[in-house]
Amino acid sequence: MFCGGFGGYGFGPASSIGYGWIFLAMGFRLLVFIGLIVLAFKLFKSYTNKSEDNMKILNERFARGEINEEEYLRRRTILSQKN
């Protein structure tokens, strides 16, 4: 008799709201979850790129002769300990 509430309004399967809101809410949560994963990946990637950039700069300075071998080895050791 009253399958969907009062006159078809309410929260039942035959109501005006129906199951669409459930799927919409699930889709929204899925989008938020995917967004968090992408954000974490980008932050991790930028962190690893910075450490690689530091080693690249150090290698270039050593190749140009701006620092000697002793200084190069000392700084390389320090940079590798930070990772």
PDB file of N, CA and C in Angstrom:
ATOM      1  N   MET A   1       0.803  -1.175   0.000  1.00  0.00           N
ATOM      2  CA  MET A   1       0.000   0.000   0.000  1.00  0.00           C
ATOM      3  C   MET A   1       0.860   1.259   0.000  1.00  0.00           C
ATOM      4  N   PHE A   2       1.676   1.422   1.021  1.00  0.00           N
ATOM      5  CA  PHE A   2       2.549   2.584   1.119  1.00  0.00           C
ATOM      6  C   PHE A   2       3.978   2.170   0.794  1.00  0.00           C
ATOM      7  N   CYS A   3       4.210   1.776  -0.441  1.00  0.00           N
ATOM      8  CA  CYS A   3       5.524   1.268  -0.845  1.00  0.00           C
ATOM      9  C   CYS A   3       6.606   2.327  -0.755  1.00  0.00           C
ATOM     10  N   GLY A   4       6.298   3.528  -1.126  1.00  0.00           N
ATOM     11  CA  GLY A   4       7.330   4.552  -1.192  1.00  0.00           C
ATOM     12  C   GLY A   4       7.114   5.668  -0.215  1.00  0.00           C
ATOM     13  N   GLY A   5       6.509   5.408   0.887  1.00  0.00           N
ATOM     14  CA  GLY A   5       6.255   6.472   1.849  1.00  0.00           C
ATOM     15  C   GLY A   5       4.901   7.089   1.574  1.00  0.00           C
ATOM     16  N   PHE A   6       4.780   8.352   1.848  1.00  0.00           N
ATOM     17  CA  PHE A   6       3.511   9.038   1.681  1.00  0.00           C
ATOM     18  C   PHE A   6       3.434   9.638   0.286  1.00  0.00           C
ATOM     19  N   GLY A   7       2.691   8.988  -0.575  1.00  0.00           N
ATOM     20  CA  GLY A   7       2.472   9.508  -1.910  1.00  0.00           C
ATOM     21  C   GLY A   7       3.700   9.469  -2.799  1.00  0.00           C
ATOM     22  N   GLY A   8       4.603   8.541  -2.551  1.00  0.00           N
ATOM     23  CA  GLY A   8       5.793   8.432  -3.374  1.00  0.00           C
ATOM     24  C   GLY A   8       6.965   9.256  -2.893  1.00  0.00           C
ATOM     25  N   TYR A   9       6.819   9.941  -1.776  1.00  0.00           N
ATOM     26  CA  TYR A   9       7.919  10.734  -1.230  1.00  0.00           C
ATOM     27  C   TYR A   9       8.534   9.997  -0.052  1.00  0.00           C
ATOM     28  N   GLY A  10       9.826  10.113   0.107  1.00  0.00           N
ATOM     29  CA  GLY A  10      10.502   9.463   1.225  1.00  0.00           C
ATOM     30  C   GLY A  10      11.794   8.819   0.783  1.00  0.00           C
ATOM     31  N   PHE A  11      12.214   7.786   1.496  1.00  0.00           N
ATOM     32  CA  PHE A  11      13.505   7.162   1.262  1.00  0.00           C
ATOM     33  C   PHE A  11      13.412   5.706   0.854  1.00  0.00           C
ATOM     34  N   GLY A  12      12.311   5.226   0.404  1.00  0.00           N
ATOM     35  CA  GLY A  12      12.163   3.836  -0.009  1.00  0.00           C
ATOM     36  C   GLY A  12      12.563   3.637  -1.455  1.00  0.00           C
ATOM     37  N   PRO A  13      12.560   2.391  -1.952  1.00  0.00           N
ATOM     38  CA  PRO A  13      12.953   2.121  -3.331  1.00  0.00           C
ATOM     39  C   PRO A  13      12.027   2.763  -4.352  1.00  0.00           C
ATOM     40  N   ALA A  14      10.769   2.971  -4.008  1.00  0.00           N
ATOM     41  CA  ALA A  14       9.835   3.569  -4.962  1.00  0.00           C
ATOM     42  C   ALA A  14       9.646   5.056  -4.690  1.00  0.00           C
ATOM     43  N   SER A  15      10.492   5.636  -3.884  1.00  0.00           N
ATOM     44  CA  SER A  15      10.336   7.042  -3.515  1.00  0.00           C
ATOM     45  C   SER A  15      10.914   7.948  -4.591  1.00  0.00           C
ATOM     46  N   SER A  16      10.759   9.232  -4.393  1.00  0.00           N
ATOM     47  CA  SER A  16      11.286  10.193  -5.362  1.00  0.00           C
ATOM     48  C   SER A  16      12.811  10.301  -5.260  1.00  0.00           C
ATOM     49  N   ILE A  17      13.381   9.984  -4.095  1.00  0.00           N
ATOM     50  CA  ILE A  17      14.830  10.049  -3.918  1.00  0.00           C
ATOM     51  C   ILE A  17      15.475   8.798  -4.496  1.00  0.00           C
ATOM     52  N   GLY A  18      14.987   7.661  -4.169  1.00  0.00           N
ATOM     53  CA  GLY A  18      15.462   6.400  -4.737  1.00  0.00           C
ATOM     54  C   GLY A  18      16.887   6.056  -4.374  1.00  0.00           C
ATOM     55  N   TYR A  19      17.448   5.148  -5.174  1.00  0.00           N
ATOM     56  CA  TYR A  19      18.798   4.670  -4.910  1.00  0.00           C
ATOM     57  C   TYR A  19      19.864   5.549  -5.557  1.00  0.00           C
ATOM     58  N   GLY A  20      19.465   6.514  -6.343  1.00  0.00           N
ATOM     59  CA  GLY A  20      20.429   7.374  -7.015  1.00  0.00           C
ATOM     60  C   GLY A  20      21.345   8.110  -6.062  1.00  0.00           C
ATOM     61  N   TRP A  21      20.817   8.540  -4.937  1.00  0.00           N
ATOM     62  CA  TRP A  21      21.634   9.268  -3.957  1.00  0.00           C
ATOM     63  C   TRP A  21      22.698   8.381  -3.335  1.00  0.00           C
ATOM     64  N   ILE A  22      22.385   7.120  -3.174  1.00  0.00           N
ATOM     65  CA  ILE A  22      23.369   6.193  -2.606  1.00  0.00           C
ATOM     66  C   ILE A  22      24.562   6.075  -3.542  1.00  0.00           C
ATOM     67  N   PHE A  23      24.283   5.919  -4.841  1.00  0.00           N
ATOM     68  CA  PHE A  23      25.374   5.812  -5.813  1.00  0.00           C
ATOM     69  C   PHE A  23      26.127   7.130  -5.955  1.00  0.00           C
ATOM     70  N   LEU A  24      25.418   8.230  -5.851  1.00  0.00           N
ATOM     71  CA  LEU A  24      26.064   9.541  -5.908  1.00  0.00           C
ATOM     72  C   LEU A  24      27.014   9.724  -4.723  1.00  0.00           C
ATOM     73  N   ALA A  25      26.586   9.336  -3.547  1.00  0.00           N
ATOM     74  CA  ALA A  25      27.435   9.449  -2.359  1.00  0.00           C
ATOM     75  C   ALA A  25      28.649   8.532  -2.473  1.00  0.00           C
ATOM     76  N   MET A  26      28.443   7.326  -2.997  1.00  0.00           N
ATOM     77  CA  MET A  26      29.574   6.402  -3.187  1.00  0.00           C
ATOM     78  C   MET A  26      30.560   6.969  -4.202  1.00  0.00           C
ATOM     79  N   GLY A  27      30.047   7.555  -5.277  1.00  0.00           N
ATOM     80  CA  GLY A  27      30.902   8.153  -6.293  1.00  0.00           C
ATOM     81  C   GLY A  27      31.699   9.318  -5.738  1.00  0.00           C
ATOM     82  N   PHE A  28      31.068  10.138  -4.904  1.00  0.00           N
ATOM     83  CA  PHE A  28      31.768  11.262  -4.291  1.00  0.00           C
ATOM     84  C   PHE A  28      32.891  10.775  -3.379  1.00  0.00           C
ATOM     85  N   ARG A  29      32.625   9.766  -2.584  1.00  0.00           N
ATOM     86  CA  ARG A  29      33.663   9.209  -1.702  1.00  0.00           C
ATOM     87  C   ARG A  29      34.806   8.609  -2.509  1.00  0.00           C
ATOM     88  N   LEU A  30      34.467   7.970  -3.620  1.00  0.00           N
ATOM     89  CA  LEU A  30      35.492   7.398  -4.482  1.00  0.00           C
ATOM     90  C   LEU A  30      36.369   8.501  -5.082  1.00  0.00           C
ATOM     91  N   LEU A  31      35.769   9.595  -5.507  1.00  0.00           N
ATOM     92  CA  LEU A  31      36.538  10.715  -6.047  1.00  0.00           C
ATOM     93  C   LEU A  31      37.464  11.320  -4.995  1.00  0.00           C
ATOM     94  N   VAL A  32      36.980  11.471  -3.774  1.00  0.00           N
ATOM     95  CA  VAL A  32      37.818  11.994  -2.690  1.00  0.00           C
ATOM     96  C   VAL A  32      38.978  11.046  -2.419  1.00  0.00           C
ATOM     97  N   PHE A  33      38.721   9.765  -2.401  1.00  0.00           N
ATOM     98  CA  PHE A  33      39.764   8.766  -2.153  1.00  0.00           C
ATOM     99  C   PHE A  33      40.819   8.803  -3.262  1.00  0.00           C
ATOM    100  N   ILE A  34      40.392   8.871  -4.517  1.00  0.00           N
ATOM    101  CA  ILE A  34      41.325   8.943  -5.639  1.00  0.00           C
ATOM    102  C   ILE A  34      42.134  10.239  -5.558  1.00  0.00           C
ATOM    103  N   GLY A  35      41.483  11.333  -5.185  1.00  0.00           N
ATOM    104  CA  GLY A  35      42.184  12.609  -5.028  1.00  0.00           C
ATOM    105  C   GLY A  35      43.273  12.542  -3.973  1.00  0.00           C
ATOM    106  N   LEU A  36      43.002  11.881  -2.865  1.00  0.00           N
ATOM    107  CA  LEU A  36      44.011  11.736  -1.808  1.00  0.00           C
ATOM    108  C   LEU A  36      45.189  10.893  -2.279  1.00  0.00           C
ATOM    109  N   ILE A  37      44.917   9.855  -3.043  1.00  0.00           N
ATOM    110  CA  ILE A  37      45.991   9.013  -3.567  1.00  0.00           C
ATOM    111  C   ILE A  37      46.867   9.810  -4.533  1.00  0.00           C
ATOM    112  N   VAL A  38      46.248  10.592  -5.422  1.00  0.00           N
ATOM    113  CA  VAL A  38      47.012  11.400  -6.380  1.00  0.00           C
ATOM    114  C   VAL A  38      47.850  12.435  -5.641  1.00  0.00           C
ATOM    115  N   LEU A  39      47.288  13.076  -4.632  1.00  0.00           N
ATOM    116  CA  LEU A  39      48.018  14.068  -3.849  1.00  0.00           C
ATOM    117  C   LEU A  39      49.223  13.445  -3.147  1.00  0.00           C
ATOM    118  N   ALA A  40      49.032  12.283  -2.547  1.00  0.00           N
ATOM    119  CA  ALA A  40      50.136  11.600  -1.876  1.00  0.00           C
ATOM    120  C   ALA A  40      51.231  11.226  -2.874  1.00  0.00           C
ATOM    121  N   PHE A  41      50.842  10.774  -4.048  1.00  0.00           N
ATOM    122  CA  PHE A  41      51.821  10.400  -5.068  1.00  0.00           C
ATOM    123  C   PHE A  41      52.625  11.612  -5.524  1.00  0.00           C
ATOM    124  N   LYS A  42      51.957  12.749  -5.735  1.00  0.00           N
ATOM    125  CA  LYS A  42      52.653  13.956  -6.172  1.00  0.00           C
ATOM    126  C   LYS A  42      53.608  14.462  -5.094  1.00  0.00           C
ATOM    127  N   LEU A  43      53.196  14.424  -3.835  1.00  0.00           N
ATOM    128  CA  LEU A  43      54.075  14.864  -2.760  1.00  0.00           C
ATOM    129  C   LEU A  43      55.296  13.960  -2.644  1.00  0.00           C
ATOM    130  N   PHE A  44      55.103  12.653  -2.764  1.00  0.00           N
ATOM    131  CA  PHE A  44      56.213  11.716  -2.698  1.00  0.00           C
ATOM    132  C   PHE A  44      57.159  11.923  -3.870  1.00  0.00           C
ATOM    133  N   LYS A  45      56.594  12.151  -5.047  1.00  0.00           N
ATOM    134  CA  LYS A  45      57.410  12.346  -6.240  1.00  0.00           C
ATOM    135  C   LYS A  45      58.246  13.623  -6.131  1.00  0.00           C
ATOM    136  N   SER A  46      57.658  14.699  -5.630  1.00  0.00           N
ATOM    137  CA  SER A  46      58.414  15.945  -5.497  1.00  0.00           C
ATOM    138  C   SER A  46      59.523  15.794  -4.453  1.00  0.00           C
ATOM    139  N   TYR A  47      59.284  15.011  -3.402  1.00  0.00           N
ATOM    140  CA  TYR A  47      60.324  14.788  -2.388  1.00  0.00           C
ATOM    141  C   TYR A  47      61.496  14.027  -2.988  1.00  0.00           C
ATOM    142  N   THR A  48      61.232  12.982  -3.764  1.00  0.00           N
ATOM    143  CA  THR A  48      62.323  12.204  -4.344  1.00  0.00           C
ATOM    144  C   THR A  48      63.046  12.994  -5.418  1.00  0.00           C
ATOM    145  N   ASN A  49      62.352  13.842  -6.161  1.00  0.00           N
ATOM    146  CA  ASN A  49      63.013  14.660  -7.178  1.00  0.00           C
ATOM    147  C   ASN A  49      63.972  15.652  -6.551  1.00  0.00           C
ATOM    148  N   LYS A  50      63.631  16.214  -5.398  1.00  0.00           N
ATOM    149  CA  LYS A  50      64.509  17.184  -4.747  1.00  0.00           C
ATOM    150  C   LYS A  50      65.816  16.539  -4.329  1.00  0.00           C
ATOM    151  N   SER A  51      65.768  15.330  -3.792  1.00  0.00           N
ATOM    152  CA  SER A  51      67.000  14.670  -3.371  1.00  0.00           C
ATOM    153  C   SER A  51      67.859  14.302  -4.574  1.00  0.00           C
ATOM    154  N   GLU A  52      67.220  13.920  -5.690  1.00  0.00           N
ATOM    155  CA  GLU A  52      67.977  13.619  -6.900  1.00  0.00           C
ATOM    156  C   GLU A  52      68.574  14.889  -7.494  1.00  0.00           C
ATOM    157  N   ASP A  53      67.848  16.000  -7.402  1.00  0.00           N
ATOM    158  CA  ASP A  53      68.361  17.272  -7.903  1.00  0.00           C
ATOM    159  C   ASP A  53      69.596  17.706  -7.122  1.00  0.00           C
ATOM    160  N   ASN A  54      69.582  17.484  -5.807  1.00  0.00           N
ATOM    161  CA  ASN A  54      70.743  17.849  -4.994  1.00  0.00           C
ATOM    162  C   ASN A  54      71.977  17.061  -5.408  1.00  0.00           C
ATOM    163  N   MET A  55      71.809  15.780  -5.662  1.00  0.00           N
ATOM    164  CA  MET A  55      72.950  14.965  -6.105  1.00  0.00           C
ATOM    165  C   MET A  55      73.420  15.392  -7.488  1.00  0.00           C
ATOM    166  N   LYS A  56      72.505  15.769  -8.350  1.00  0.00           N
ATOM    167  CA  LYS A  56      72.868  16.226  -9.692  1.00  0.00           C
ATOM    168  C   LYS A  56      73.703  17.503  -9.607  1.00  0.00           C
ATOM    169  N   ILE A  57      73.281  18.437  -8.769  1.00  0.00           N
ATOM    170  CA  ILE A  57      74.031  19.683  -8.589  1.00  0.00           C
ATOM    171  C   ILE A  57      75.413  19.398  -8.032  1.00  0.00           C
ATOM    172  N   LEU A  58      75.483  18.505  -7.053  1.00  0.00           N
ATOM    173  CA  LEU A  58      76.776  18.150  -6.471  1.00  0.00           C
ATOM    174  C   LEU A  58      77.695  17.529  -7.522  1.00  0.00           C
ATOM    175  N   ASN A  59      77.171  16.636  -8.337  1.00  0.00           N
ATOM    176  CA  ASN A  59      77.977  16.012  -9.393  1.00  0.00           C
ATOM    177  C   ASN A  59      78.461  17.046 -10.405  1.00  0.00           C
ATOM    178  N   GLU A  60      77.604  17.992 -10.756  1.00  0.00           N
ATOM    179  CA  GLU A  60      77.992  19.033 -11.708  1.00  0.00           C
ATOM    180  C   GLU A  60      79.090  19.930 -11.135  1.00  0.00           C
ATOM    181  N   ARG A  61      78.971  20.286  -9.870  1.00  0.00           N
ATOM    182  CA  ARG A  61      80.002  21.137  -9.244  1.00  0.00           C
ATOM    183  C   ARG A  61      81.345  20.419  -9.186  1.00  0.00           C
ATOM    184  N   PHE A  62      81.303  19.115  -8.910  1.00  0.00           N
ATOM    185  CA  PHE A  62      82.547  18.341  -8.884  1.00  0.00           C
ATOM    186  C   PHE A  62      83.138  18.239 -10.287  1.00  0.00           C
ATOM    187  N   ALA A  63      82.291  18.043 -11.286  1.00  0.00           N
ATOM    188  CA  ALA A  63      82.769  17.925 -12.666  1.00  0.00           C
ATOM    189  C   ALA A  63      83.370  19.239 -13.163  1.00  0.00           C
ATOM    190  N   ARG A  64      82.837  20.372 -12.725  1.00  0.00           N
ATOM    191  CA  ARG A  64      83.376  21.669 -13.142  1.00  0.00           C
ATOM    192  C   ARG A  64      84.625  22.046 -12.368  1.00  0.00           C
ATOM    193  N   GLY A  65      84.920  21.305 -11.297  1.00  0.00           N
ATOM    194  CA  GLY A  65      86.116  21.595 -10.502  1.00  0.00           C
ATOM    195  C   GLY A  65      85.896  22.624  -9.416  1.00  0.00           C
ATOM    196  N   GLU A  66      84.647  22.925  -9.107  1.00  0.00           N
ATOM    197  CA  GLU A  66      84.351  23.911  -8.059  1.00  0.00           C
ATOM    198  C   GLU A  66      84.663  23.367  -6.669  1.00  0.00           C
ATOM    199  N   ILE A  67      84.556  22.046  -6.492  1.00  0.00           N
ATOM    200  CA  ILE A  67      84.884  21.420  -5.209  1.00  0.00           C
ATOM    201  C   ILE A  67      85.855  20.275  -5.468  1.00  0.00           C
ATOM    202  N   ASN A  68      86.688  19.987  -4.472  1.00  0.00           N
ATOM    203  CA  ASN A  68      87.649  18.900  -4.628  1.00  0.00           C
ATOM    204  C   ASN A  68      87.015  17.560  -4.249  1.00  0.00           C
ATOM    205  N   GLU A  69      87.761  16.491  -4.423  1.00  0.00           N
ATOM    206  CA  GLU A  69      87.224  15.147  -4.191  1.00  0.00           C
ATOM    207  C   GLU A  69      86.839  14.936  -2.738  1.00  0.00           C
ATOM    208  N   GLU A  70      87.630  15.460  -1.820  1.00  0.00           N
ATOM    209  CA  GLU A  70      87.334  15.300  -0.388  1.00  0.00           C
ATOM    210  C   GLU A  70      86.001  15.965  -0.042  1.00  0.00           C
ATOM    211  N   GLU A  71      85.806  17.181  -0.530  1.00  0.00           N
ATOM    212  CA  GLU A  71      84.559  17.897  -0.277  1.00  0.00           C
ATOM    213  C   GLU A  71      83.382  17.181  -0.947  1.00  0.00           C
ATOM    214  N   TYR A  72      83.584  16.686  -2.154  1.00  0.00           N
ATOM    215  CA  TYR A  72      82.541  15.949  -2.879  1.00  0.00           C
ATOM    216  C   TYR A  72      82.103  14.721  -2.099  1.00  0.00           C
ATOM    217  N   LEU A  73      83.076  13.937  -1.627  1.00  0.00           N
ATOM    218  CA  LEU A  73      82.737  12.715  -0.891  1.00  0.00           C
ATOM    219  C   LEU A  73      82.022  13.029   0.421  1.00  0.00           C
ATOM    220  N   ARG A  74      82.454  14.081   1.099  1.00  0.00           N
ATOM    221  CA  ARG A  74      81.828  14.469   2.366  1.00  0.00           C
ATOM    222  C   ARG A  74      80.372  14.878   2.136  1.00  0.00           C
ATOM    223  N   ARG A  75      80.136  15.712   1.134  1.00  0.00           N
ATOM    224  CA  ARG A  75      78.777  16.175   0.865  1.00  0.00           C
ATOM    225  C   ARG A  75      77.884  15.050   0.335  1.00  0.00           C
ATOM    226  N   ARG A  76      78.454  14.167  -0.475  1.00  0.00           N
ATOM    227  CA  ARG A  76      77.678  13.040  -0.986  1.00  0.00           C
ATOM    228  C   ARG A  76      77.238  12.132   0.163  1.00  0.00           C
ATOM    229  N   THR A  77      78.134  11.924   1.131  1.00  0.00           N
ATOM    230  CA  THR A  77      77.792  11.114   2.307  1.00  0.00           C
ATOM    231  C   THR A  77      76.651  11.769   3.101  1.00  0.00           C
ATOM    232  N   ILE A  78      76.744  13.065   3.275  1.00  0.00           N
ATOM    233  CA  ILE A  78      75.702  13.781   4.018  1.00  0.00           C
ATOM    234  C   ILE A  78      74.363  13.687   3.294  1.00  0.00           C
ATOM    235  N   LEU A  79      74.361  13.888   1.987  1.00  0.00           N
ATOM    236  CA  LEU A  79      73.112  13.814   1.225  1.00  0.00           C
ATOM    237  C   LEU A  79      72.520  12.407   1.231  1.00  0.00           C
ATOM    238  N   SER A  80      73.355  11.402   1.164  1.00  0.00           N
ATOM    239  CA  SER A  80      72.834  10.033   1.152  1.00  0.00           C
ATOM    240  C   SER A  80      72.273   9.633   2.509  1.00  0.00           C
ATOM    241  N   GLN A  81      72.788  10.236   3.597  1.00  0.00           N
ATOM    242  CA  GLN A  81      72.250   9.943   4.933  1.00  0.00           C
ATOM    243  C   GLN A  81      70.893  10.590   5.139  1.00  0.00           C
ATOM    244  N   LYS A  82      70.621  11.704   4.457  1.00  0.00           N
ATOM    245  CA  LYS A  82      69.326  12.372   4.593  1.00  0.00           C
ATOM    246  C   LYS A  82      68.209  11.573   3.960  1.00  0.00           C
ATOM    247  N   ASN A  83      68.529  10.749   2.960  1.00  0.00           N
ATOM    248  CA  ASN A  83      67.504   9.944   2.288  1.00  0.00           C
ATOM    249  C   ASN A  83      67.287   8.742   3.093  1.00  0.00           C
TER     250      ASN A  83
END
